[in-house]
């Protein structure tokens, strides 16, 4: 029974993911991938508009995206904006050990939920 339930969830997630990708490709061009979506979310949360980022800043923006995405799941809590306007979160609880497929599905689910919350899909 678990296998069947998992397959239904995976199929539903895949359908929602494919719909989101189609919508994002209309705005940002074909071939957008998870890392690009995470950068978009991180930049949105940073709220400073477009600017050229260093490699370290890109990593920081990806971290912002993950914190923002995992906050609704109870893993992070927003604490403040620093003097430079960068948002900060604190870890509330650690993520359980996840297999690569589970990690991928959690990331996709969080991204889908983020865009639903933003009324983008």
PDB file of N, CA and C in Angstrom:
ATOM      1  N   UNK A   1       0.818  -1.200   0.000  1.00  0.00           N
ATOM      2  CA  UNK A   1       0.000   0.000   0.000  1.00  0.00           C
ATOM      3  C   UNK A   1       0.855   1.253   0.000  1.00  0.00           C
ATOM      4  N   UNK A   2       1.943   1.254   0.765  1.00  0.00           N
ATOM      5  CA  UNK A   2       2.824   2.421   0.813  1.00  0.00           C
ATOM      6  C   UNK A   2       3.333   2.763  -0.576  1.00  0.00           C
ATOM      7  N   UNK A   3       3.704   1.731  -1.346  1.00  0.00           N
ATOM      8  CA  UNK A   3       4.238   1.935  -2.685  1.00  0.00           C
ATOM      9  C   UNK A   3       3.223   2.657  -3.565  1.00  0.00           C
ATOM     10  N   UNK A   4       1.966   2.223  -3.520  1.00  0.00           N
ATOM     11  CA  UNK A   4       0.925   2.844  -4.339  1.00  0.00           C
ATOM     12  C   UNK A   4       0.709   4.295  -3.938  1.00  0.00           C
ATOM     13  N   UNK A   5       0.651   4.569  -2.635  1.00  0.00           N
ATOM     14  CA  UNK A   5       0.465   5.925  -2.148  1.00  0.00           C
ATOM     15  C   UNK A   5       1.619   6.817  -2.581  1.00  0.00           C
ATOM     16  N   UNK A   6       2.834   6.294  -2.474  1.00  0.00           N
ATOM     17  CA  UNK A   6       4.009   7.057  -2.883  1.00  0.00           C
ATOM     18  C   UNK A   6       3.961   7.373  -4.364  1.00  0.00           C
ATOM     19  N   UNK A   7       3.546   6.414  -5.166  1.00  0.00           N
ATOM     20  CA  UNK A   7       3.458   6.648  -6.610  1.00  0.00           C
ATOM     21  C   UNK A   7       2.442   7.736  -6.921  1.00  0.00           C
ATOM     22  N   UNK A   8       1.299   7.748  -6.238  1.00  0.00           N
ATOM     23  CA  UNK A   8       0.281   8.771  -6.456  1.00  0.00           C
ATOM     24  C   UNK A   8       0.835  10.136  -6.083  1.00  0.00           C
ATOM     25  N   UNK A   9       1.511  10.231  -4.947  1.00  0.00           N
ATOM     26  CA  UNK A   9       2.119  11.491  -4.520  1.00  0.00           C
ATOM     27  C   UNK A   9       3.160  11.946  -5.539  1.00  0.00           C
ATOM     28  N   UNK A  10       4.011  11.022  -5.973  1.00  0.00           N
ATOM     29  CA  UNK A  10       5.042  11.365  -6.953  1.00  0.00           C
ATOM     30  C   UNK A  10       4.427  11.851  -8.263  1.00  0.00           C
ATOM     31  N   UNK A  11       3.335  11.212  -8.695  1.00  0.00           N
ATOM     32  CA  UNK A  11       2.677  11.626  -9.934  1.00  0.00           C
ATOM     33  C   UNK A  11       2.044  13.003  -9.775  1.00  0.00           C
ATOM     34  N   UNK A  12       1.435  13.264  -8.632  1.00  0.00           N
ATOM     35  CA  UNK A  12       0.832  14.576  -8.379  1.00  0.00           C
ATOM     36  C   UNK A  12       1.915  15.652  -8.321  1.00  0.00           C
ATOM     37  N   UNK A  13       3.009  15.344  -7.637  1.00  0.00           N
ATOM     38  CA  UNK A  13       4.122  16.288  -7.555  1.00  0.00           C
ATOM     39  C   UNK A  13       4.690  16.555  -8.938  1.00  0.00           C
ATOM     40  N   UNK A  14       4.858  15.518  -9.734  1.00  0.00           N
ATOM     41  CA  UNK A  14       5.392  15.673 -11.087  1.00  0.00           C
ATOM     42  C   UNK A  14       4.489  16.564 -11.928  1.00  0.00           C
ATOM     43  N   UNK A  15       3.176  16.368 -11.832  1.00  0.00           N
ATOM     44  CA  UNK A  15       2.234  17.186 -12.595  1.00  0.00           C
ATOM     45  C   UNK A  15       2.319  18.657 -12.175  1.00  0.00           C
ATOM     46  N   UNK A  16       2.359  18.900 -10.872  1.00  0.00           N
ATOM     47  CA  UNK A  16       2.468  20.283 -10.382  1.00  0.00           C
ATOM     48  C   UNK A  16       3.801  20.903 -10.791  1.00  0.00           C
ATOM     49  N   UNK A  17       4.874  20.115 -10.698  1.00  0.00           N
ATOM     50  CA  UNK A  17       6.207  20.595 -11.062  1.00  0.00           C
ATOM     51  C   UNK A  17       6.252  20.950 -12.547  1.00  0.00           C
ATOM     52  N   UNK A  18       5.731  20.070 -13.386  1.00  0.00           N
ATOM     53  CA  UNK A  18       5.740  20.323 -14.830  1.00  0.00           C
ATOM     54  C   UNK A  18       4.959  21.590 -15.171  1.00  0.00           C
ATOM     55  N   UNK A  19       3.826  21.798 -14.497  1.00  0.00           N
ATOM     56  CA  UNK A  19       3.025  23.007 -14.727  1.00  0.00           C
ATOM     57  C   UNK A  19       3.801  24.267 -14.312  1.00  0.00           C
ATOM     58  N   UNK A  20       4.492  24.191 -13.183  1.00  0.00           N
ATOM     59  CA  UNK A  20       5.284  25.332 -12.727  1.00  0.00           C
ATOM     60  C   UNK A  20       6.420  25.621 -13.702  1.00  0.00           C
ATOM     61  N   UNK A  21       7.108  24.588 -14.138  1.00  0.00           N
ATOM     62  CA  UNK A  21       8.219  24.775 -15.081  1.00  0.00           C
ATOM     63  C   UNK A  21       7.719  25.426 -16.367  1.00  0.00           C
ATOM     64  N   UNK A  22       6.594  24.977 -16.891  1.00  0.00           N
ATOM     65  CA  UNK A  22       6.039  25.578 -18.116  1.00  0.00           C
ATOM     66  C   UNK A  22       5.780  27.060 -17.913  1.00  0.00           C
ATOM     67  N   UNK A  23       5.225  27.391 -16.764  1.00  0.00           N
ATOM     68  CA  UNK A  23       4.940  28.810 -16.485  1.00  0.00           C
ATOM     69  C   UNK A  23       6.227  29.629 -16.366  1.00  0.00           C
ATOM     70  N   UNK A  24       7.215  29.092 -15.675  1.00  0.00           N
ATOM     71  CA  UNK A  24       8.481  29.817 -15.515  1.00  0.00           C
ATOM     72  C   UNK A  24       9.224  29.935 -16.834  1.00  0.00           C
ATOM     73  N   UNK A  25       9.128  28.920 -17.678  1.00  0.00           N
ATOM     74  CA  UNK A  25       9.804  28.986 -18.975  1.00  0.00           C
ATOM     75  C   UNK A  25       9.202  30.065 -19.868  1.00  0.00           C
ATOM     76  N   UNK A  26       7.929  30.353 -19.704  1.00  0.00           N
ATOM     77  CA  UNK A  26       7.312  31.449 -20.448  1.00  0.00           C
ATOM     78  C   UNK A  26       7.970  32.770 -20.050  1.00  0.00           C
ATOM     79  N   UNK A  27       8.232  32.945 -18.762  1.00  0.00           N
ATOM     80  CA  UNK A  27       8.820  34.189 -18.264  1.00  0.00           C
ATOM     81  C   UNK A  27      10.334  34.250 -18.452  1.00  0.00           C
ATOM     82  N   UNK A  28      11.023  33.116 -18.264  1.00  0.00           N
ATOM     83  CA  UNK A  28      12.481  33.150 -18.190  1.00  0.00           C
ATOM     84  C   UNK A  28      13.192  32.347 -19.263  1.00  0.00           C
ATOM     85  N   UNK A  29      12.455  31.713 -20.142  1.00  0.00           N
ATOM     86  CA  UNK A  29      13.064  30.949 -21.224  1.00  0.00           C
ATOM     87  C   UNK A  29      13.152  29.466 -20.892  1.00  0.00           C
ATOM     88  N   UNK A  30      13.285  28.699 -21.947  1.00  0.00           N
ATOM     89  CA  UNK A  30      13.329  27.246 -21.794  1.00  0.00           C
ATOM     90  C   UNK A  30      14.591  26.791 -21.081  1.00  0.00           C
ATOM     91  N   UNK A  31      14.451  25.656 -20.419  1.00  0.00           N
ATOM     92  CA  UNK A  31      15.609  25.030 -19.791  1.00  0.00           C
ATOM     93  C   UNK A  31      15.894  25.487 -18.374  1.00  0.00           C
ATOM     94  N   UNK A  32      14.960  26.205 -17.752  1.00  0.00           N
ATOM     95  CA  UNK A  32      15.201  26.633 -16.373  1.00  0.00           C
ATOM     96  C   UNK A  32      15.263  25.396 -15.476  1.00  0.00           C
ATOM     97  N   UNK A  33      16.237  25.381 -14.591  1.00  0.00           N
ATOM     98  CA  UNK A  33      16.447  24.233 -13.717  1.00  0.00           C
ATOM     99  C   UNK A  33      16.290  24.649 -12.259  1.00  0.00           C
ATOM    100  N   UNK A  34      16.358  23.663 -11.380  1.00  0.00           N
ATOM    101  CA  UNK A  34      16.125  23.901  -9.954  1.00  0.00           C
ATOM    102  C   UNK A  34      17.051  24.992  -9.413  1.00  0.00           C
ATOM    103  N   UNK A  35      18.336  24.942  -9.748  1.00  0.00           N
ATOM    104  CA  UNK A  35      19.259  25.955  -9.211  1.00  0.00           C
ATOM    105  C   UNK A  35      18.864  27.356  -9.664  1.00  0.00           C
ATOM    106  N   UNK A  36      18.431  27.504 -10.900  1.00  0.00           N
ATOM    107  CA  UNK A  36      17.975  28.803 -11.389  1.00  0.00           C
ATOM    108  C   UNK A  36      16.743  29.277 -10.651  1.00  0.00           C
ATOM    109  N   UNK A  37      15.832  28.356 -10.369  1.00  0.00           N
ATOM    110  CA  UNK A  37      14.618  28.695  -9.625  1.00  0.00           C
ATOM    111  C   UNK A  37      14.991  29.113  -8.203  1.00  0.00           C
ATOM    112  N   UNK A  38      15.930  28.390  -7.605  1.00  0.00           N
ATOM    113  CA  UNK A  38      16.373  28.748  -6.258  1.00  0.00           C
ATOM    114  C   UNK A  38      17.010  30.135  -6.242  1.00  0.00           C
ATOM    115  N   UNK A  39      17.781  30.460  -7.267  1.00  0.00           N
ATOM    116  CA  UNK A  39      18.362  31.814  -7.343  1.00  0.00           C
ATOM    117  C   UNK A  39      17.257  32.867  -7.456  1.00  0.00           C
ATOM    118  N   UNK A  40      16.239  32.591  -8.274  1.00  0.00           N
ATOM    119  CA  UNK A  40      15.123  33.528  -8.398  1.00  0.00           C
ATOM    120  C   UNK A  40      14.434  33.753  -7.053  1.00  0.00           C
ATOM    121  N   UNK A  41      14.190  32.667  -6.333  1.00  0.00           N
ATOM    122  CA  UNK A  41      13.531  32.768  -5.029  1.00  0.00           C
ATOM    123  C   UNK A  41      14.423  33.523  -4.046  1.00  0.00           C
ATOM    124  N   UNK A  42      15.706  33.200  -4.023  1.00  0.00           N
ATOM    125  CA  UNK A  42      16.629  33.889  -3.131  1.00  0.00           C
ATOM    126  C   UNK A  42      16.700  35.378  -3.423  1.00  0.00           C
ATOM    127  N   UNK A  43      16.750  35.736  -4.696  1.00  0.00           N
ATOM    128  CA  UNK A  43      16.785  37.153  -5.072  1.00  0.00           C
ATOM    129  C   UNK A  43      15.472  37.843  -4.699  1.00  0.00           C
ATOM    130  N   UNK A  44      14.362  37.147  -4.878  1.00  0.00           N
ATOM    131  CA  UNK A  44      13.060  37.700  -4.480  1.00  0.00           C
ATOM    132  C   UNK A  44      13.041  37.979  -2.982  1.00  0.00           C
ATOM    133  N   UNK A  45      13.525  37.030  -2.204  1.00  0.00           N
ATOM    134  CA  UNK A  45      13.549  37.191  -0.748  1.00  0.00           C
ATOM    135  C   UNK A  45      14.549  38.260  -0.318  1.00  0.00           C
ATOM    136  N   UNK A  46      15.636  38.400  -1.045  1.00  0.00           N
ATOM    137  CA  UNK A  46      16.630  39.437  -0.747  1.00  0.00           C
ATOM    138  C   UNK A  46      16.034  40.816  -1.003  1.00  0.00           C
ATOM    139  N   UNK A  47      15.239  40.921  -2.057  1.00  0.00           N
ATOM    140  CA  UNK A  47      14.499  42.148  -2.323  1.00  0.00           C
ATOM    141  C   UNK A  47      15.335  43.345  -2.725  1.00  0.00           C
ATOM    142  N   UNK A  48      16.484  43.110  -3.323  1.00  0.00           N
ATOM    143  CA  UNK A  48      17.348  44.229  -3.707  1.00  0.00           C
ATOM    144  C   UNK A  48      17.427  44.411  -5.217  1.00  0.00           C
ATOM    145  N   UNK A  49      16.538  43.756  -5.945  1.00  0.00           N
ATOM    146  CA  UNK A  49      16.543  43.886  -7.399  1.00  0.00           C
ATOM    147  C   UNK A  49      17.742  43.199  -8.009  1.00  0.00           C
ATOM    148  N   UNK A  50      17.907  43.427  -9.305  1.00  0.00           N
ATOM    149  CA  UNK A  50      18.998  42.779 -10.022  1.00  0.00           C
ATOM    150  C   UNK A  50      20.323  43.448  -9.699  1.00  0.00           C
ATOM    151  N   UNK A  51      21.316  42.638  -9.468  1.00  0.00           N
ATOM    152  CA  UNK A  51      22.686  43.126  -9.359  1.00  0.00           C
ATOM    153  C   UNK A  51      23.611  41.949  -9.634  1.00  0.00           C
ATOM    154  N   UNK A  52      24.799  42.249 -10.077  1.00  0.00           N
ATOM    155  CA  UNK A  52      25.772  41.192 -10.342  1.00  0.00           C
ATOM    156  C   UNK A  52      26.244  40.638  -8.998  1.00  0.00           C
ATOM    157  N   UNK A  53      26.240  39.312  -8.885  1.00  0.00           N
ATOM    158  CA  UNK A  53      26.623  38.668  -7.641  1.00  0.00           C
ATOM    159  C   UNK A  53      27.939  37.924  -7.800  1.00  0.00           C
ATOM    160  N   UNK A  54      28.747  37.974  -6.759  1.00  0.00           N
ATOM    161  CA  UNK A  54      29.964  37.161  -6.736  1.00  0.00           C
ATOM    162  C   UNK A  54      29.555  35.705  -6.487  1.00  0.00           C
ATOM    163  N   UNK A  55      30.502  34.800  -6.634  1.00  0.00           N
ATOM    164  CA  UNK A  55      30.222  33.385  -6.389  1.00  0.00           C
ATOM    165  C   UNK A  55      29.747  33.172  -4.949  1.00  0.00           C
ATOM    166  N   UNK A  56      30.411  33.824  -3.994  1.00  0.00           N
ATOM    167  CA  UNK A  56      30.013  33.699  -2.590  1.00  0.00           C
ATOM    168  C   UNK A  56      28.613  34.267  -2.354  1.00  0.00           C
ATOM    169  N   UNK A  57      28.297  35.384  -3.004  1.00  0.00           N
ATOM    170  CA  UNK A  57      26.967  35.977  -2.853  1.00  0.00           C
ATOM    171  C   UNK A  57      25.899  35.052  -3.444  1.00  0.00           C
ATOM    172  N   UNK A  58      26.216  34.389  -4.564  1.00  0.00           N
ATOM    173  CA  UNK A  58      25.264  33.433  -5.141  1.00  0.00           C
ATOM    174  C   UNK A  58      24.978  32.303  -4.154  1.00  0.00           C
ATOM    175  N   UNK A  59      26.009  31.818  -3.484  1.00  0.00           N
ATOM    176  CA  UNK A  59      25.809  30.780  -2.474  1.00  0.00           C
ATOM    177  C   UNK A  59      24.942  31.300  -1.333  1.00  0.00           C
ATOM    178  N   UNK A  60      25.176  32.551  -0.942  1.00  0.00           N
ATOM    179  CA  UNK A  60      24.358  33.160   0.108  1.00  0.00           C
ATOM    180  C   UNK A  60      22.899  33.294  -0.337  1.00  0.00           C
ATOM    181  N   UNK A  61      22.692  33.648  -1.608  1.00  0.00           N
ATOM    182  CA  UNK A  61      21.336  33.781  -2.145  1.00  0.00           C
ATOM    183  C   UNK A  61      20.649  32.409  -2.184  1.00  0.00           C
ATOM    184  N   UNK A  62      21.389  31.366  -2.535  1.00  0.00           N
ATOM    185  CA  UNK A  62      20.830  30.008  -2.502  1.00  0.00           C
ATOM    186  C   UNK A  62      20.445  29.629  -1.071  1.00  0.00           C
ATOM    187  N   UNK A  63      21.267  30.021  -0.111  1.00  0.00           N
ATOM    188  CA  UNK A  63      20.966  29.754   1.300  1.00  0.00           C
ATOM    189  C   UNK A  63      19.686  30.484   1.719  1.00  0.00           C
ATOM    190  N   UNK A  64      19.536  31.713   1.275  1.00  0.00           N
ATOM    191  CA  UNK A  64      18.320  32.482   1.553  1.00  0.00           C
ATOM    192  C   UNK A  64      17.109  31.728   1.010  1.00  0.00           C
ATOM    193  N   UNK A  65      17.227  31.226  -0.210  1.00  0.00           N
ATOM    194  CA  UNK A  65      16.118  30.499  -0.827  1.00  0.00           C
ATOM    195  C   UNK A  65      15.755  29.269  -0.006  1.00  0.00           C
ATOM    196  N   UNK A  66      16.755  28.483   0.384  1.00  0.00           N
ATOM    197  CA  UNK A  66      16.462  27.277   1.154  1.00  0.00           C
ATOM    198  C   UNK A  66      15.827  27.618   2.501  1.00  0.00           C
ATOM    199  N   UNK A  67      16.316  28.632   3.161  1.00  0.00           N
ATOM    200  CA  UNK A  67      15.715  29.023   4.446  1.00  0.00           C
ATOM    201  C   UNK A  67      14.268  29.451   4.252  1.00  0.00           C
ATOM    202  N   UNK A  68      14.019  30.278   3.238  1.00  0.00           N
ATOM    203  CA  UNK A  68      12.657  30.745   2.973  1.00  0.00           C
ATOM    204  C   UNK A  68      11.739  29.580   2.603  1.00  0.00           C
ATOM    205  N   UNK A  69      12.260  28.636   1.825  1.00  0.00           N
ATOM    206  CA  UNK A  69      11.449  27.498   1.394  1.00  0.00           C
ATOM    207  C   UNK A  69      11.144  26.529   2.528  1.00  0.00           C
ATOM    208  N   UNK A  70      12.096  26.359   3.426  1.00  0.00           N
ATOM    209  CA  UNK A  70      11.918  25.377   4.496  1.00  0.00           C
ATOM    210  C   UNK A  70      11.307  25.961   5.762  1.00  0.00           C
ATOM    211  N   UNK A  71      11.154  27.287   5.805  1.00  0.00           N
ATOM    212  CA  UNK A  71      10.518  27.917   6.970  1.00  0.00           C
ATOM    213  C   UNK A  71       9.094  27.408   7.197  1.00  0.00           C
ATOM    214  N   UNK A  72       8.251  27.316   6.153  1.00  0.00           N
ATOM    215  CA  UNK A  72       6.889  26.814   6.393  1.00  0.00           C
ATOM    216  C   UNK A  72       6.839  25.372   6.909  1.00  0.00           C
ATOM    217  N   UNK A  73       7.886  24.602   6.687  1.00  0.00           N
ATOM    218  CA  UNK A  73       7.952  23.228   7.171  1.00  0.00           C
ATOM    219  C   UNK A  73       8.477  23.166   8.614  1.00  0.00           C
ATOM    220  N   UNK A  74       8.833  24.341   9.178  1.00  0.00           N
ATOM    221  CA  UNK A  74       9.271  24.399  10.566  1.00  0.00           C
ATOM    222  C   UNK A  74      10.757  24.176  10.793  1.00  0.00           C
ATOM    223  N   UNK A  75      11.549  24.214   9.733  1.00  0.00           N
ATOM    224  CA  UNK A  75      12.986  23.979   9.889  1.00  0.00           C
ATOM    225  C   UNK A  75      13.766  25.258  10.189  1.00  0.00           C
ATOM    226  N   UNK A  76      13.245  26.400   9.734  1.00  0.00           N
ATOM    227  CA  UNK A  76      13.897  27.685   9.966  1.00  0.00           C
ATOM    228  C   UNK A  76      12.880  28.703  10.442  1.00  0.00           C
ATOM    229  N   UNK A  77      13.394  29.748  11.117  1.00  0.00           N
ATOM    230  CA  UNK A  77      12.564  30.859  11.556  1.00  0.00           C
ATOM    231  C   UNK A  77      13.281  32.147  11.179  1.00  0.00           C
ATOM    232  N   UNK A  78      12.557  33.033  10.506  1.00  0.00           N
ATOM    233  CA  UNK A  78      13.142  34.323  10.135  1.00  0.00           C
ATOM    234  C   UNK A  78      13.448  35.108  11.394  1.00  0.00           C
ATOM    235  N   UNK A  79      14.631  35.741  11.425  1.00  0.00           N
ATOM    236  CA  UNK A  79      14.993  36.514  12.611  1.00  0.00           C
ATOM    237  C   UNK A  79      15.093  38.010  12.330  1.00  0.00           C
ATOM    238  N   UNK A  80      15.785  38.379  11.248  1.00  0.00           N
ATOM    239  CA  UNK A  80      15.989  39.810  11.018  1.00  0.00           C
ATOM    240  C   UNK A  80      16.622  40.078   9.668  1.00  0.00           C
ATOM    241  N   UNK A  81      16.630  41.344   9.312  1.00  0.00           N
ATOM    242  CA  UNK A  81      17.434  41.837   8.193  1.00  0.00           C
ATOM    243  C   UNK A  81      18.650  42.509   8.799  1.00  0.00           C
ATOM    244  N   UNK A  82      19.817  42.259   8.210  1.00  0.00           N
ATOM    245  CA  UNK A  82      21.016  42.900   8.736  1.00  0.00           C
ATOM    246  C   UNK A  82      21.145  44.321   8.186  1.00  0.00           C
ATOM    247  N   UNK A  83      22.216  45.007   8.539  1.00  0.00           N
ATOM    248  CA  UNK A  83      22.426  46.406   8.139  1.00  0.00           C
ATOM    249  C   UNK A  83      22.499  46.566   6.623  1.00  0.00           C
ATOM    250  N   UNK A  84      22.901  45.500   5.912  1.00  0.00           N
ATOM    251  CA  UNK A  84      22.985  45.548   4.454  1.00  0.00           C
ATOM    252  C   UNK A  84      21.697  45.099   3.778  1.00  0.00           C
ATOM    253  N   UNK A  85      20.683  44.784   4.572  1.00  0.00           N
ATOM    254  CA  UNK A  85      19.404  44.385   4.019  1.00  0.00           C
ATOM    255  C   UNK A  85      19.271  42.905   3.692  1.00  0.00           C
ATOM    256  N   UNK A  86      20.214  42.094   4.155  1.00  0.00           N
ATOM    257  CA  UNK A  86      20.161  40.657   3.894  1.00  0.00           C
ATOM    258  C   UNK A  86      19.340  39.981   4.994  1.00  0.00           C
ATOM    259  N   UNK A  87      18.390  39.114   4.597  1.00  0.00           N
ATOM    260  CA  UNK A  87      17.574  38.415   5.597  1.00  0.00           C
ATOM    261  C   UNK A  87      18.362  37.299   6.278  1.00  0.00           C
ATOM    262  N   UNK A  88      18.000  37.023   7.515  1.00  0.00           N
ATOM    263  CA  UNK A  88      18.654  35.956   8.283  1.00  0.00           C
ATOM    264  C   UNK A  88      17.600  35.088   8.958  1.00  0.00           C
ATOM    265  N   UNK A  89      17.885  33.801   9.006  1.00  0.00           N
ATOM    266  CA  UNK A  89      17.027  32.817   9.667  1.00  0.00           C
ATOM    267  C   UNK A  89      17.859  32.067  10.681  1.00  0.00           C
ATOM    268  N   UNK A  90      17.179  31.485  11.647  1.00  0.00           N
ATOM    269  CA  UNK A  90      17.855  30.579  12.570  1.00  0.00           C
ATOM    270  C   UNK A  90      17.240  29.194  12.377  1.00  0.00           C
ATOM    271  N   UNK A  91      18.073  28.189  12.539  1.00  0.00           N
ATOM    272  CA  UNK A  91      17.586  26.815  12.428  1.00  0.00           C
ATOM    273  C   UNK A  91      16.743  26.500  13.650  1.00  0.00           C
ATOM    274  N   UNK A  92      15.555  25.971  13.422  1.00  0.00           N
ATOM    275  CA  UNK A  92      14.658  25.588  14.509  1.00  0.00           C
ATOM    276  C   UNK A  92      14.862  24.112  14.825  1.00  0.00           C
ATOM    277  N   UNK A  93      14.987  23.333  13.808  1.00  0.00           N
ATOM    278  CA  UNK A  93      15.223  21.900  13.943  1.00  0.00           C
ATOM    279  C   UNK A  93      16.033  21.436  12.742  1.00  0.00           C
ATOM    280  N   UNK A  94      16.719  20.345  12.878  1.00  0.00           N
ATOM    281  CA  UNK A  94      17.522  19.843  11.774  1.00  0.00           C
ATOM    282  C   UNK A  94      16.666  18.980  10.857  1.00  0.00           C
ATOM    283  N   UNK A  95      17.024  19.012   9.602  1.00  0.00           N
ATOM    284  CA  UNK A  95      16.352  18.146   8.641  1.00  0.00           C
ATOM    285  C   UNK A  95      16.686  16.698   8.951  1.00  0.00           C
ATOM    286  N   UNK A  96      15.732  15.815   8.804  1.00  0.00           N
ATOM    287  CA  UNK A  96      16.055  14.396   8.982  1.00  0.00           C
ATOM    288  C   UNK A  96      16.931  13.932   7.816  1.00  0.00           C
ATOM    289  N   UNK A  97      17.652  12.845   7.994  1.00  0.00           N
ATOM    290  CA  UNK A  97      18.436  12.329   6.874  1.00  0.00           C
ATOM    291  C   UNK A  97      17.490  11.958   5.722  1.00  0.00           C
ATOM    292  N   UNK A  98      17.788  12.476   4.550  1.00  0.00           N
ATOM    293  CA  UNK A  98      16.947  12.221   3.388  1.00  0.00           C
ATOM    294  C   UNK A  98      17.757  11.557   2.287  1.00  0.00           C
ATOM    295  N   UNK A  99      17.139  10.623   1.616  1.00  0.00           N
ATOM    296  CA  UNK A  99      17.745  10.023   0.441  1.00  0.00           C
ATOM    297  C   UNK A  99      17.693  11.057  -0.673  1.00  0.00           C
ATOM    298  N   UNK A 100      18.556  10.943  -1.695  1.00  0.00           N
ATOM    299  CA  UNK A 100      18.555  11.946  -2.771  1.00  0.00           C
ATOM    300  C   UNK A 100      17.181  12.186  -3.397  1.00  0.00           C
ATOM    301  N   UNK A 101      16.407  11.152  -3.637  1.00  0.00           N
ATOM    302  CA  UNK A 101      15.072  11.323  -4.213  1.00  0.00           C
ATOM    303  C   UNK A 101      14.141  12.067  -3.280  1.00  0.00           C
ATOM    304  N   UNK A 102      14.251  11.781  -1.994  1.00  0.00           N
ATOM    305  CA  UNK A 102      13.418  12.465  -1.005  1.00  0.00           C
ATOM    306  C   UNK A 102      13.802  13.936  -0.903  1.00  0.00           C
ATOM    307  N   UNK A 103      15.093  14.213  -0.973  1.00  0.00           N
ATOM    308  CA  UNK A 103      15.600  15.589  -0.926  1.00  0.00           C
ATOM    309  C   UNK A 103      15.072  16.372  -2.133  1.00  0.00           C
ATOM    310  N   UNK A 104      15.138  15.751  -3.286  1.00  0.00           N
ATOM    311  CA  UNK A 104      14.663  16.376  -4.522  1.00  0.00           C
ATOM    312  C   UNK A 104      13.161  16.663  -4.440  1.00  0.00           C
ATOM    313  N   UNK A 105      12.394  15.690  -3.930  1.00  0.00           N
ATOM    314  CA  UNK A 105      10.951  15.881  -3.819  1.00  0.00           C
ATOM    315  C   UNK A 105      10.592  16.958  -2.800  1.00  0.00           C
ATOM    316  N   UNK A 106      11.311  17.009  -1.677  1.00  0.00           N
ATOM    317  CA  UNK A 106      11.070  18.052  -0.680  1.00  0.00           C
ATOM    318  C   UNK A 106      11.353  19.428  -1.276  1.00  0.00           C
ATOM    319  N   UNK A 107      12.441  19.546  -2.021  1.00  0.00           N
ATOM    320  CA  UNK A 107      12.787  20.818  -2.655  1.00  0.00           C
ATOM    321  C   UNK A 107      11.717  21.232  -3.654  1.00  0.00           C
ATOM    322  N   UNK A 108      11.291  20.296  -4.486  1.00  0.00           N
ATOM    323  CA  UNK A 108      10.250  20.609  -5.473  1.00  0.00           C
ATOM    324  C   UNK A 108       8.945  20.996  -4.793  1.00  0.00           C
ATOM    325  N   UNK A 109       8.550  20.247  -3.762  1.00  0.00           N
ATOM    326  CA  UNK A 109       7.311  20.557  -3.035  1.00  0.00           C
ATOM    327  C   UNK A 109       7.399  21.952  -2.424  1.00  0.00           C
ATOM    328  N   UNK A 110       8.538  22.269  -1.830  1.00  0.00           N
ATOM    329  CA  UNK A 110       8.711  23.586  -1.199  1.00  0.00           C
ATOM    330  C   UNK A 110       8.654  24.700  -2.245  1.00  0.00           C
ATOM    331  N   UNK A 111       9.250  24.471  -3.408  1.00  0.00           N
ATOM    332  CA  UNK A 111       9.217  25.476  -4.483  1.00  0.00           C
ATOM    333  C   UNK A 111       7.786  25.665  -4.975  1.00  0.00           C
ATOM    334  N   UNK A 112       7.076  24.583  -5.204  1.00  0.00           N
ATOM    335  CA  UNK A 112       5.683  24.671  -5.652  1.00  0.00           C
ATOM    336  C   UNK A 112       4.855  25.439  -4.627  1.00  0.00           C
ATOM    337  N   UNK A 113       5.004  25.096  -3.351  1.00  0.00           N
ATOM    338  CA  UNK A 113       4.259  25.783  -2.289  1.00  0.00           C
ATOM    339  C   UNK A 113       4.600  27.266  -2.239  1.00  0.00           C
ATOM    340  N   UNK A 114       5.870  27.594  -2.446  1.00  0.00           N
ATOM    341  CA  UNK A 114       6.314  28.989  -2.437  1.00  0.00           C
ATOM    342  C   UNK A 114       5.576  29.783  -3.522  1.00  0.00           C
ATOM    343  N   UNK A 115       5.549  29.234  -4.730  1.00  0.00           N
ATOM    344  CA  UNK A 115       4.891  29.951  -5.818  1.00  0.00           C
ATOM    345  C   UNK A 115       3.379  29.993  -5.630  1.00  0.00           C
ATOM    346  N   UNK A 116       2.805  28.961  -5.025  1.00  0.00           N
ATOM    347  CA  UNK A 116       1.365  29.009  -4.715  1.00  0.00           C
ATOM    348  C   UNK A 116       1.097  30.133  -3.717  1.00  0.00           C
ATOM    349  N   UNK A 117       1.945  30.235  -2.710  1.00  0.00           N
ATOM    350  CA  UNK A 117       1.795  31.291  -1.695  1.00  0.00           C
ATOM    351  C   UNK A 117       1.934  32.668  -2.319  1.00  0.00           C
ATOM    352  N   UNK A 118       2.788  32.774  -3.311  1.00  0.00           N
ATOM    353  CA  UNK A 118       2.988  34.054  -3.993  1.00  0.00           C
ATOM    354  C   UNK A 118       1.906  34.295  -5.057  1.00  0.00           C
ATOM    355  N   UNK A 119       0.936  33.368  -5.143  1.00  0.00           N
ATOM    356  CA  UNK A 119      -0.146  33.426  -6.127  1.00  0.00           C
ATOM    357  C   UNK A 119       0.357  33.461  -7.566  1.00  0.00           C
ATOM    358  N   UNK A 120       1.442  32.736  -7.796  1.00  0.00           N
ATOM    359  CA  UNK A 120       2.007  32.685  -9.136  1.00  0.00           C
ATOM    360  C   UNK A 120       1.512  31.482  -9.923  1.00  0.00           C
ATOM    361  N   UNK A 121       0.938  30.488  -9.219  1.00  0.00           N
ATOM    362  CA  UNK A 121       0.381  29.332  -9.956  1.00  0.00           C
ATOM    363  C   UNK A 121      -0.971  28.979  -9.380  1.00  0.00           C
TER     364      UNK A 121
END
